[in-house]
Amino acid sequence: MFKEFKEFAMRGNVIDLAVGFIIGAAFGKIVTSLVQDIIMAPIGMLLSHVDFSNLFISLNGKHYGGLDAAKADHAATINYGLFLNNVIDFLIVAFCVFLLVQQMNRWTKKPEPAVAPTTKECPQCAMTIPINAKRCPHCTSQIA
């Protein structure tokens, strides 16, 4: 059983999947940092200095100065600002993965398979005839 598992794990596609997963996790961290640290700040400035990570609804009806204050008071909150950050993060990751896959498909484009010829030329009259012809219909010569 261990031998079968070793053979399964050492197949190329399983190793490729593991490498892809590790690179994807690291790529996700980079994109998350891009969204949180670079993209959301200008968007917040454009929308009257809004910090999306502090957008929330307190379910107990009290008003808090920020999400940290609500958490300190153990208030139940709906953190729609953090949700927006995650949605934007997901959209950017999905778009980047789309671009990456699209580029990889261009690099690995396989050549079109060669199509077998369906015609040939008669050696006597040089007319085009079907490849399986035994006699030329134009000059009636025998085709070898």
N, C-alpha and C. Protein backbone atom coordinates (compact mmCIF):
# COMPACT_ATOMS: atom_id res chain seq x y z
N MET A 1 0.83 -1.19 0.00
CA MET A 1 0.00 0.00 0.00
C MET A 1 0.88 1.26 0.00
N PHE A 2 1.95 1.25 0.79
CA PHE A 2 2.85 2.40 0.82
C PHE A 2 3.50 2.61 -0.54
N LYS A 3 3.84 1.51 -1.22
CA LYS A 3 4.47 1.60 -2.54
C LYS A 3 3.50 2.25 -3.55
N GLU A 4 2.22 1.85 -3.48
CA GLU A 4 1.22 2.43 -4.38
C GLU A 4 1.04 3.92 -4.11
N PHE A 5 1.03 4.28 -2.82
CA PHE A 5 0.91 5.70 -2.48
C PHE A 5 2.11 6.49 -2.99
N LYS A 6 3.31 5.91 -2.84
CA LYS A 6 4.53 6.58 -3.32
C LYS A 6 4.47 6.79 -4.83
N GLU A 7 4.01 5.77 -5.56
CA GLU A 7 3.88 5.90 -7.02
C GLU A 7 2.87 6.99 -7.38
N PHE A 8 1.76 7.03 -6.64
CA PHE A 8 0.74 8.05 -6.88
C PHE A 8 1.31 9.45 -6.62
N ALA A 9 1.99 9.61 -5.49
CA ALA A 9 2.50 10.93 -5.10
C ALA A 9 3.63 11.40 -6.00
N MET A 10 4.35 10.49 -6.61
CA MET A 10 5.49 10.87 -7.45
C MET A 10 5.12 11.06 -8.91
N ARG A 11 3.87 10.88 -9.23
CA ARG A 11 3.44 11.17 -10.61
C ARG A 11 3.63 12.64 -10.88
N GLY A 12 3.88 12.99 -12.11
CA GLY A 12 4.13 14.38 -12.48
C GLY A 12 2.99 15.31 -12.13
N ASN A 13 1.75 14.91 -12.38
CA ASN A 13 0.63 15.83 -12.16
C ASN A 13 0.39 16.10 -10.68
N VAL A 14 0.69 15.16 -9.79
CA VAL A 14 0.52 15.40 -8.36
C VAL A 14 1.58 16.38 -7.87
N ILE A 15 2.81 16.20 -8.33
CA ILE A 15 3.89 17.12 -7.96
C ILE A 15 3.57 18.51 -8.51
N ASP A 16 3.11 18.59 -9.75
CA ASP A 16 2.74 19.87 -10.35
C ASP A 16 1.64 20.55 -9.55
N LEU A 17 0.68 19.77 -9.10
CA LEU A 17 -0.42 20.32 -8.30
C LEU A 17 0.09 20.89 -6.98
N ALA A 18 1.00 20.16 -6.34
CA ALA A 18 1.56 20.64 -5.07
C ALA A 18 2.35 21.93 -5.28
N VAL A 19 3.17 21.98 -6.31
CA VAL A 19 3.94 23.20 -6.61
C VAL A 19 2.99 24.34 -6.94
N GLY A 20 1.96 24.07 -7.72
CA GLY A 20 0.98 25.10 -8.06
C GLY A 20 0.26 25.62 -6.83
N PHE A 21 -0.06 24.73 -5.91
CA PHE A 21 -0.74 25.14 -4.67
C PHE A 21 0.16 26.06 -3.84
N ILE A 22 1.43 25.70 -3.71
CA ILE A 22 2.36 26.51 -2.92
C ILE A 22 2.57 27.87 -3.56
N ILE A 23 2.77 27.89 -4.86
CA ILE A 23 2.95 29.16 -5.57
C ILE A 23 1.67 29.98 -5.50
N GLY A 24 0.52 29.34 -5.61
CA GLY A 24 -0.76 30.04 -5.52
C GLY A 24 -0.97 30.68 -4.17
N ALA A 25 -0.59 29.99 -3.11
CA ALA A 25 -0.73 30.56 -1.76
C ALA A 25 0.16 31.79 -1.61
N ALA A 26 1.39 31.69 -2.09
CA ALA A 26 2.30 32.84 -2.02
C ALA A 26 1.79 33.99 -2.89
N PHE A 27 1.27 33.65 -4.06
CA PHE A 27 0.73 34.66 -4.97
C PHE A 27 -0.47 35.34 -4.34
N GLY A 28 -1.30 34.57 -3.64
CA GLY A 28 -2.46 35.14 -2.95
C GLY A 28 -2.04 36.15 -1.89
N LYS A 29 -0.98 35.86 -1.16
CA LYS A 29 -0.50 36.80 -0.15
C LYS A 29 -0.02 38.09 -0.79
N ILE A 30 0.66 37.98 -1.92
CA ILE A 30 1.14 39.18 -2.62
C ILE A 30 -0.04 40.02 -3.08
N VAL A 31 -1.04 39.39 -3.66
CA VAL A 31 -2.20 40.14 -4.15
C VAL A 31 -2.98 40.73 -2.99
N THR A 32 -3.11 40.01 -1.89
CA THR A 32 -3.79 40.54 -0.71
C THR A 32 -3.08 41.79 -0.21
N SER A 33 -1.77 41.74 -0.16
CA SER A 33 -1.01 42.91 0.25
C SER A 33 -1.20 44.06 -0.74
N LEU A 34 -1.22 43.74 -2.02
CA LEU A 34 -1.44 44.77 -3.04
C LEU A 34 -2.79 45.44 -2.82
N VAL A 35 -3.82 44.66 -2.57
CA VAL A 35 -5.15 45.23 -2.37
C VAL A 35 -5.21 46.05 -1.09
N GLN A 36 -4.79 45.46 0.03
CA GLN A 36 -4.94 46.14 1.31
C GLN A 36 -3.99 47.32 1.47
N ASP A 37 -2.75 47.18 1.01
CA ASP A 37 -1.74 48.19 1.29
C ASP A 37 -1.61 49.26 0.20
N ILE A 38 -2.03 48.96 -1.01
CA ILE A 38 -1.82 49.91 -2.11
C ILE A 38 -3.12 50.36 -2.75
N ILE A 39 -4.00 49.43 -3.11
CA ILE A 39 -5.19 49.79 -3.89
C ILE A 39 -6.29 50.41 -3.04
N MET A 40 -6.55 49.86 -1.86
CA MET A 40 -7.68 50.34 -1.05
C MET A 40 -7.47 51.75 -0.52
N ALA A 41 -6.24 52.18 -0.29
CA ALA A 41 -6.00 53.53 0.23
C ALA A 41 -6.45 54.61 -0.77
N PRO A 42 -6.05 54.54 -2.04
CA PRO A 42 -6.56 55.56 -2.99
C PRO A 42 -8.07 55.48 -3.20
N ILE A 43 -8.62 54.27 -3.19
CA ILE A 43 -10.08 54.15 -3.35
C ILE A 43 -10.77 54.79 -2.15
N GLY A 44 -10.24 54.58 -0.95
CA GLY A 44 -10.80 55.20 0.24
C GLY A 44 -10.70 56.72 0.18
N MET A 45 -9.60 57.25 -0.35
CA MET A 45 -9.46 58.71 -0.49
C MET A 45 -10.47 59.27 -1.47
N LEU A 46 -10.69 58.55 -2.56
CA LEU A 46 -11.66 59.01 -3.55
C LEU A 46 -13.08 59.02 -2.97
N LEU A 47 -13.34 58.15 -2.01
CA LEU A 47 -14.66 58.05 -1.40
C LEU A 47 -14.69 58.74 -0.03
N SER A 48 -14.16 59.95 0.04
CA SER A 48 -14.19 60.79 1.24
C SER A 48 -13.44 60.17 2.42
N HIS A 49 -12.23 59.70 2.17
CA HIS A 49 -11.34 59.17 3.22
C HIS A 49 -11.98 58.03 4.01
N VAL A 50 -12.62 57.11 3.31
CA VAL A 50 -13.25 55.97 3.94
C VAL A 50 -12.20 54.86 4.09
N ASP A 51 -12.11 54.30 5.30
CA ASP A 51 -11.27 53.13 5.53
C ASP A 51 -12.18 51.91 5.51
N PHE A 52 -12.10 51.13 4.46
CA PHE A 52 -13.02 50.01 4.29
C PHE A 52 -12.94 49.01 5.43
N SER A 53 -11.77 48.85 6.02
CA SER A 53 -11.65 47.86 7.09
C SER A 53 -12.41 48.28 8.34
N ASN A 54 -12.81 49.56 8.44
CA ASN A 54 -13.58 50.03 9.59
C ASN A 54 -15.06 50.19 9.29
N LEU A 55 -15.51 49.71 8.16
CA LEU A 55 -16.94 49.79 7.85
C LEU A 55 -17.64 48.57 8.44
N PHE A 56 -18.58 48.80 9.33
CA PHE A 56 -19.29 47.71 9.98
C PHE A 56 -20.63 48.20 10.47
N ILE A 57 -21.49 47.25 10.81
CA ILE A 57 -22.78 47.54 11.42
C ILE A 57 -22.80 46.82 12.77
N SER A 58 -23.06 47.58 13.80
CA SER A 58 -23.14 46.99 15.14
C SER A 58 -24.56 46.46 15.34
N LEU A 59 -24.67 45.22 15.72
CA LEU A 59 -25.98 44.60 15.87
C LEU A 59 -26.65 44.92 17.21
N ASN A 60 -25.91 45.53 18.15
CA ASN A 60 -26.52 45.87 19.44
C ASN A 60 -27.08 47.29 19.47
N GLY A 61 -26.95 48.03 18.36
CA GLY A 61 -27.53 49.36 18.27
C GLY A 61 -26.64 50.48 18.78
N LYS A 62 -25.53 50.17 19.42
CA LYS A 62 -24.62 51.22 19.91
C LYS A 62 -23.74 51.71 18.79
N HIS A 63 -23.27 52.95 18.91
CA HIS A 63 -22.34 53.53 17.94
C HIS A 63 -20.92 53.43 18.51
N TYR A 64 -20.02 52.93 17.71
CA TYR A 64 -18.62 52.79 18.11
C TYR A 64 -17.75 53.63 17.17
N GLY A 65 -16.63 54.07 17.67
CA GLY A 65 -15.70 54.88 16.87
C GLY A 65 -14.99 54.08 15.80
N GLY A 66 -14.90 52.80 15.96
CA GLY A 66 -14.24 51.95 14.98
C GLY A 66 -14.49 50.49 15.29
N LEU A 67 -14.04 49.65 14.41
CA LEU A 67 -14.24 48.21 14.57
C LEU A 67 -13.50 47.69 15.80
N ASP A 68 -12.33 48.24 16.08
CA ASP A 68 -11.57 47.80 17.25
C ASP A 68 -12.34 48.09 18.55
N ALA A 69 -12.98 49.25 18.60
CA ALA A 69 -13.76 49.60 19.79
C ALA A 69 -14.94 48.66 19.96
N ALA A 70 -15.58 48.30 18.86
CA ALA A 70 -16.72 47.38 18.93
C ALA A 70 -16.26 46.00 19.35
N LYS A 71 -15.13 45.56 18.85
CA LYS A 71 -14.59 44.26 19.24
C LYS A 71 -14.19 44.25 20.71
N ALA A 72 -13.64 45.37 21.18
CA ALA A 72 -13.24 45.46 22.59
C ALA A 72 -14.47 45.36 23.51
N ASP A 73 -15.61 45.86 23.02
CA ASP A 73 -16.85 45.80 23.80
C ASP A 73 -17.60 44.48 23.56
N HIS A 74 -16.99 43.57 22.81
CA HIS A 74 -17.57 42.27 22.47
C HIS A 74 -18.92 42.41 21.77
N ALA A 75 -19.04 43.42 20.94
CA ALA A 75 -20.29 43.64 20.20
C ALA A 75 -20.31 42.75 18.96
N ALA A 76 -21.47 42.26 18.65
CA ALA A 76 -21.65 41.50 17.41
C ALA A 76 -21.73 42.49 16.26
N THR A 77 -20.92 42.26 15.22
CA THR A 77 -20.87 43.21 14.12
C THR A 77 -20.96 42.49 12.78
N ILE A 78 -21.45 43.21 11.80
CA ILE A 78 -21.41 42.77 10.41
C ILE A 78 -20.32 43.61 9.76
N ASN A 79 -19.21 42.97 9.42
CA ASN A 79 -18.03 43.67 8.91
C ASN A 79 -18.06 43.73 7.38
N TYR A 80 -18.94 44.55 6.84
CA TYR A 80 -19.06 44.60 5.39
C TYR A 80 -17.87 45.27 4.73
N GLY A 81 -17.12 46.09 5.44
CA GLY A 81 -15.91 46.70 4.87
C GLY A 81 -14.83 45.66 4.63
N LEU A 82 -14.64 44.76 5.58
CA LEU A 82 -13.67 43.68 5.39
C LEU A 82 -14.13 42.75 4.27
N PHE A 83 -15.44 42.55 4.18
CA PHE A 83 -15.99 41.73 3.09
C PHE A 83 -15.69 42.38 1.74
N LEU A 84 -15.87 43.70 1.64
CA LEU A 84 -15.54 44.40 0.39
C LEU A 84 -14.07 44.24 0.04
N ASN A 85 -13.20 44.36 1.05
CA ASN A 85 -11.77 44.16 0.81
C ASN A 85 -11.51 42.76 0.24
N ASN A 86 -12.16 41.76 0.82
CA ASN A 86 -11.96 40.38 0.35
C ASN A 86 -12.54 40.16 -1.04
N VAL A 87 -13.66 40.80 -1.36
CA VAL A 87 -14.22 40.68 -2.71
C VAL A 87 -13.28 41.29 -3.73
N ILE A 88 -12.76 42.48 -3.44
CA ILE A 88 -11.82 43.13 -4.36
C ILE A 88 -10.56 42.28 -4.48
N ASP A 89 -10.08 41.75 -3.38
CA ASP A 89 -8.92 40.87 -3.37
C ASP A 89 -9.16 39.66 -4.28
N PHE A 90 -10.32 39.02 -4.12
CA PHE A 90 -10.66 37.86 -4.94
C PHE A 90 -10.71 38.22 -6.42
N LEU A 91 -11.36 39.34 -6.76
CA LEU A 91 -11.47 39.73 -8.16
C LEU A 91 -10.11 39.97 -8.79
N ILE A 92 -9.21 40.58 -8.05
CA ILE A 92 -7.88 40.83 -8.59
C ILE A 92 -7.11 39.52 -8.74
N VAL A 93 -7.20 38.64 -7.75
CA VAL A 93 -6.53 37.33 -7.86
C VAL A 93 -7.10 36.56 -9.05
N ALA A 94 -8.42 36.53 -9.19
CA ALA A 94 -9.04 35.80 -10.30
C ALA A 94 -8.62 36.37 -11.64
N PHE A 95 -8.54 37.69 -11.74
CA PHE A 95 -8.11 38.31 -13.00
C PHE A 95 -6.65 37.98 -13.30
N CYS A 96 -5.80 38.03 -12.28
CA CYS A 96 -4.38 37.70 -12.48
C CYS A 96 -4.21 36.24 -12.89
N VAL A 97 -4.95 35.34 -12.26
CA VAL A 97 -4.87 33.93 -12.63
C VAL A 97 -5.37 33.74 -14.06
N PHE A 98 -6.43 34.44 -14.43
CA PHE A 98 -6.94 34.38 -15.80
C PHE A 98 -5.85 34.81 -16.79
N LEU A 99 -5.18 35.93 -16.50
CA LEU A 99 -4.12 36.40 -17.40
C LEU A 99 -2.97 35.41 -17.46
N LEU A 100 -2.61 34.82 -16.33
CA LEU A 100 -1.53 33.84 -16.28
C LEU A 100 -1.88 32.60 -17.10
N VAL A 101 -3.07 32.08 -16.92
CA VAL A 101 -3.49 30.88 -17.67
C VAL A 101 -3.58 31.20 -19.16
N GLN A 102 -4.08 32.37 -19.48
CA GLN A 102 -4.18 32.77 -20.89
C GLN A 102 -2.78 32.82 -21.52
N GLN A 103 -1.81 33.39 -20.81
CA GLN A 103 -0.44 33.47 -21.33
C GLN A 103 0.18 32.08 -21.44
N MET A 104 -0.05 31.24 -20.44
CA MET A 104 0.50 29.87 -20.49
C MET A 104 -0.09 29.10 -21.67
N ASN A 105 -1.36 29.31 -21.96
CA ASN A 105 -1.97 28.64 -23.11
C ASN A 105 -1.35 29.11 -24.42
N ARG A 106 -0.96 30.37 -24.49
CA ARG A 106 -0.29 30.86 -25.70
C ARG A 106 1.08 30.23 -25.85
N TRP A 107 1.80 30.09 -24.72
CA TRP A 107 3.15 29.52 -24.78
C TRP A 107 3.13 28.04 -25.11
N THR A 108 2.12 27.34 -24.66
CA THR A 108 2.07 25.89 -24.85
C THR A 108 1.13 25.49 -25.97
N LYS A 109 0.85 26.41 -26.88
CA LYS A 109 -0.06 26.09 -27.98
C LYS A 109 0.56 24.97 -28.82
N LYS A 110 -0.21 23.92 -29.01
CA LYS A 110 0.28 22.76 -29.73
C LYS A 110 0.06 22.98 -31.23
N PRO A 111 1.03 22.52 -32.03
CA PRO A 111 0.85 22.66 -33.48
C PRO A 111 -0.33 21.80 -33.97
N GLU A 112 -0.96 22.28 -34.99
CA GLU A 112 -2.08 21.55 -35.56
C GLU A 112 -1.58 20.22 -36.12
N PRO A 113 -2.30 19.14 -35.91
CA PRO A 113 -1.85 17.85 -36.44
C PRO A 113 -1.88 17.87 -37.96
N ALA A 114 -0.89 17.22 -38.54
CA ALA A 114 -0.80 17.17 -40.00
C ALA A 114 -1.96 16.34 -40.54
N VAL A 115 -2.61 16.88 -41.55
CA VAL A 115 -3.74 16.19 -42.17
C VAL A 115 -3.20 15.32 -43.28
N ALA A 116 -3.59 14.08 -43.27
CA ALA A 116 -3.14 13.15 -44.31
C ALA A 116 -3.70 13.59 -45.66
N PRO A 117 -2.89 13.52 -46.70
CA PRO A 117 -3.39 13.94 -48.03
C PRO A 117 -4.47 12.99 -48.53
N THR A 118 -5.42 13.56 -49.24
CA THR A 118 -6.51 12.74 -49.79
C THR A 118 -6.40 12.60 -51.31
N THR A 119 -5.46 13.33 -51.90
CA THR A 119 -5.27 13.26 -53.35
C THR A 119 -3.79 13.12 -53.68
N LYS A 120 -3.53 12.72 -54.91
CA LYS A 120 -2.16 12.64 -55.43
C LYS A 120 -2.21 12.96 -56.91
N GLU A 121 -1.03 13.11 -57.52
CA GLU A 121 -0.98 13.40 -58.96
C GLU A 121 -0.72 12.12 -59.72
N CYS A 122 -1.35 12.01 -60.85
CA CYS A 122 -1.10 10.89 -61.74
C CYS A 122 0.30 11.07 -62.33
N PRO A 123 1.15 10.04 -62.31
CA PRO A 123 2.51 10.19 -62.84
C PRO A 123 2.54 10.34 -64.37
N GLN A 124 1.47 9.97 -65.05
CA GLN A 124 1.45 10.05 -66.52
C GLN A 124 0.93 11.41 -67.01
N CYS A 125 -0.23 11.86 -66.47
CA CYS A 125 -0.84 13.08 -66.99
C CYS A 125 -0.81 14.25 -66.02
N ALA A 126 -0.32 14.04 -64.80
CA ALA A 126 -0.18 15.08 -63.77
C ALA A 126 -1.52 15.67 -63.31
N MET A 127 -2.59 14.94 -63.51
CA MET A 127 -3.90 15.37 -63.02
C MET A 127 -4.06 14.89 -61.58
N THR A 128 -4.86 15.62 -60.80
CA THR A 128 -5.12 15.25 -59.42
C THR A 128 -6.15 14.13 -59.37
N ILE A 129 -5.80 13.07 -58.62
CA ILE A 129 -6.69 11.92 -58.50
C ILE A 129 -6.78 11.51 -57.03
N PRO A 130 -7.81 10.75 -56.63
CA PRO A 130 -7.90 10.27 -55.24
C PRO A 130 -6.68 9.41 -54.88
N ILE A 131 -6.30 9.45 -53.64
CA ILE A 131 -5.07 8.77 -53.20
C ILE A 131 -5.17 7.26 -53.34
N ASN A 132 -6.38 6.70 -53.23
CA ASN A 132 -6.55 5.25 -53.33
C ASN A 132 -6.82 4.77 -54.75
N ALA A 133 -6.75 5.66 -55.72
CA ALA A 133 -7.06 5.27 -57.10
C ALA A 133 -6.02 4.29 -57.63
N LYS A 134 -6.49 3.28 -58.38
CA LYS A 134 -5.62 2.29 -59.02
C LYS A 134 -5.41 2.60 -60.51
N ARG A 135 -6.35 3.41 -61.05
CA ARG A 135 -6.27 3.79 -62.46
C ARG A 135 -6.67 5.25 -62.57
N CYS A 136 -5.99 6.01 -63.39
CA CYS A 136 -6.28 7.43 -63.57
C CYS A 136 -7.55 7.57 -64.41
N PRO A 137 -8.56 8.33 -63.93
CA PRO A 137 -9.78 8.49 -64.72
C PRO A 137 -9.58 9.42 -65.93
N HIS A 138 -8.48 10.14 -65.96
CA HIS A 138 -8.25 11.09 -67.05
C HIS A 138 -7.52 10.43 -68.23
N CYS A 139 -6.42 9.74 -67.91
CA CYS A 139 -5.63 9.13 -68.98
C CYS A 139 -5.73 7.62 -68.98
N THR A 140 -6.41 7.04 -68.05
CA THR A 140 -6.65 5.63 -67.85
C THR A 140 -5.38 4.78 -67.64
N SER A 141 -4.29 5.43 -67.27
CA SER A 141 -3.06 4.66 -67.01
C SER A 141 -3.17 3.97 -65.64
N GLN A 142 -2.47 2.84 -65.55
CA GLN A 142 -2.44 2.07 -64.32
C GLN A 142 -1.55 2.80 -63.29
N ILE A 143 -2.04 2.94 -62.05
CA ILE A 143 -1.29 3.62 -60.98
C ILE A 143 -0.74 2.55 -60.05
N ALA A 144 0.55 2.59 -59.78
CA ALA A 144 1.19 1.56 -58.94
C ALA A 144 0.97 1.85 -57.47
